[in-house]
C-alpha cells in the first residue's frame, strides 16, 4: 500500500474510527480510549480490528504500535 492508498483508506474510516486511531497512535490504552469515548473496551478492540483491516496495518499488542503489513 502506498501513501496515496493509505490516505484514501484513512479518509474512508468513520469519524469514530479516526478518533480511536488518533488516540491509539498517541499511546492511549484501549481502556482509556473506551472511557474517553464512553464506549466499551470490546468496541474499541473491534474498531482497531477494522482500522487495521482497512489500512492494511498490524498492531503489535506488546508495544501498541501499528505498522504496515509486509
Foldseek 3Di string as FASTA:
>chain_A
DDPVQLVVLLVPQDPLLVQLVVCLQVVHDLVRSCVVVVHDSVVSVVSVVVSCVSNQWDADVVRSDIDHDD
